[in-house]
Protein backbone atom coordinates (compact mmCIF):
# COMPACT_ATOMS: atom_id res chain seq x y z
CA MET A 1 21.91 26.01 -17.09
CA GLY A 2 20.71 26.62 -13.59
CA HIS A 3 17.93 24.02 -13.75
CA SER A 4 17.63 20.87 -11.68
CA LEU A 5 17.22 17.85 -13.94
CA VAL A 6 15.61 15.79 -11.20
CA GLN A 7 13.29 18.47 -9.81
CA GLU A 8 12.11 19.92 -13.13
CA PHE A 9 12.13 17.07 -15.64
CA ILE A 10 11.68 13.79 -13.75
CA THR A 11 8.22 12.51 -12.82
CA ASP A 12 7.46 12.50 -9.09
CA ASP A 13 7.44 8.71 -8.85
CA PHE A 14 11.05 8.50 -10.15
CA LYS A 15 12.70 11.57 -8.58
CA THR A 16 14.23 9.65 -5.67
CA ALA A 17 15.49 6.79 -7.87
CA VAL A 18 17.08 9.11 -10.46
CA GLN A 19 18.70 11.24 -7.75
CA THR A 20 20.11 8.06 -6.19
CA VAL A 21 21.63 6.97 -9.52
CA LEU A 22 23.29 10.37 -9.93
CA ASP A 23 24.50 10.45 -6.32
CA GLN A 24 25.94 6.95 -6.63
CA ALA A 25 27.79 7.94 -9.79
CA LEU A 26 29.33 10.85 -7.87
CA GLN A 27 30.57 8.25 -5.36
CA GLY A 28 32.07 6.05 -8.09
CA ALA A 29 29.25 3.53 -8.61
CA GLU A 30 28.21 3.57 -12.24
CA THR A 31 24.73 2.62 -13.48
CA GLU A 32 23.82 1.02 -16.79
CA ASN A 33 20.45 0.70 -18.51
CA PHE A 34 18.30 2.52 -15.96
CA GLU A 35 14.85 3.25 -17.41
CA PHE A 36 12.70 6.16 -16.26
CA PRO A 37 10.17 8.69 -17.60
CA LEU A 38 11.27 12.25 -18.30
CA ILE A 39 9.17 15.33 -19.06
CA THR A 40 10.59 17.43 -21.89
CA LYS A 41 10.70 21.23 -21.88
CA ASN A 42 7.58 21.08 -24.06
CA GLY A 43 5.75 19.00 -21.43
CA VAL A 44 5.86 15.72 -23.37
CA ARG A 45 6.55 12.53 -21.42
CA ILE A 46 9.22 10.28 -22.92
CA GLU A 47 10.86 7.10 -21.68
CA VAL A 48 14.64 7.30 -21.25
CA LEU A 49 17.38 4.69 -20.90
CA LEU A 50 20.22 6.16 -18.81
CA ASN A 51 23.83 5.19 -18.37
CA ALA A 52 25.61 7.22 -15.66
CA THR A 53 29.41 7.08 -15.65
CA THR A 54 31.78 8.63 -13.15
CA ARG A 55 34.17 11.23 -14.61
CA ARG A 56 37.64 11.27 -13.08
CA ASP A 57 40.73 13.48 -13.39
CA GLU A 58 44.29 12.28 -14.06
CA GLN A 59 44.76 11.37 -10.38
CA GLY A 60 41.57 9.30 -10.27
CA ASN A 61 39.57 11.85 -8.29
CA ILE A 62 35.88 12.06 -9.12
CA ILE A 63 35.14 15.35 -10.85
CA GLY A 64 31.65 14.73 -12.17
CA VAL A 65 29.21 12.44 -13.88
CA VAL A 66 28.60 11.79 -17.55
CA GLY A 67 25.02 10.78 -18.20
CA ILE A 68 23.97 9.38 -21.55
CA GLY A 69 20.24 9.15 -22.10
CA GLN A 70 18.48 7.49 -25.02
CA ASP A 71 14.83 8.06 -25.92
CA ILE A 72 13.25 4.59 -25.88
CA THR A 73 9.63 5.71 -26.06
CA GLY A 74 9.09 4.11 -29.46
CA ARG A 75 10.68 0.84 -28.43
CA ILE A 76 8.48 0.57 -25.34
CA ALA A 77 5.36 1.29 -27.42
CA GLN A 78 6.36 -1.46 -29.86
CA GLU A 79 6.93 -3.91 -27.00
CA ARG A 80 3.48 -3.15 -25.60
CA GLU A 81 1.85 -3.69 -28.99
CA TYR A 82 3.72 -6.95 -29.42
CA SER A 83 2.57 -8.12 -25.98
CA LYS A 84 -1.05 -7.36 -26.91
CA LEU A 85 -0.69 -9.42 -30.08
CA ILE A 86 0.66 -12.51 -28.35
CA ASP A 87 -1.79 -12.42 -25.44
């Protein structure tokens, strides 16, 4: 708690894009399958696939954002290896 996801864990080249996705979700525009690098607490870079969904109350008012991130580092490494093999 008390940490900024974007400022502390997102690489500099993706900070603006990730913040935009989160801001848009707070305005009601959801994002699916957004890929970006994230730095873990241990300092390891991983690739993440994010889905950001607007959270609403019973009256339909936006009360937050639910973000689901999936580590796709292994998948991207496999795709790169596959590309090397077919080139």
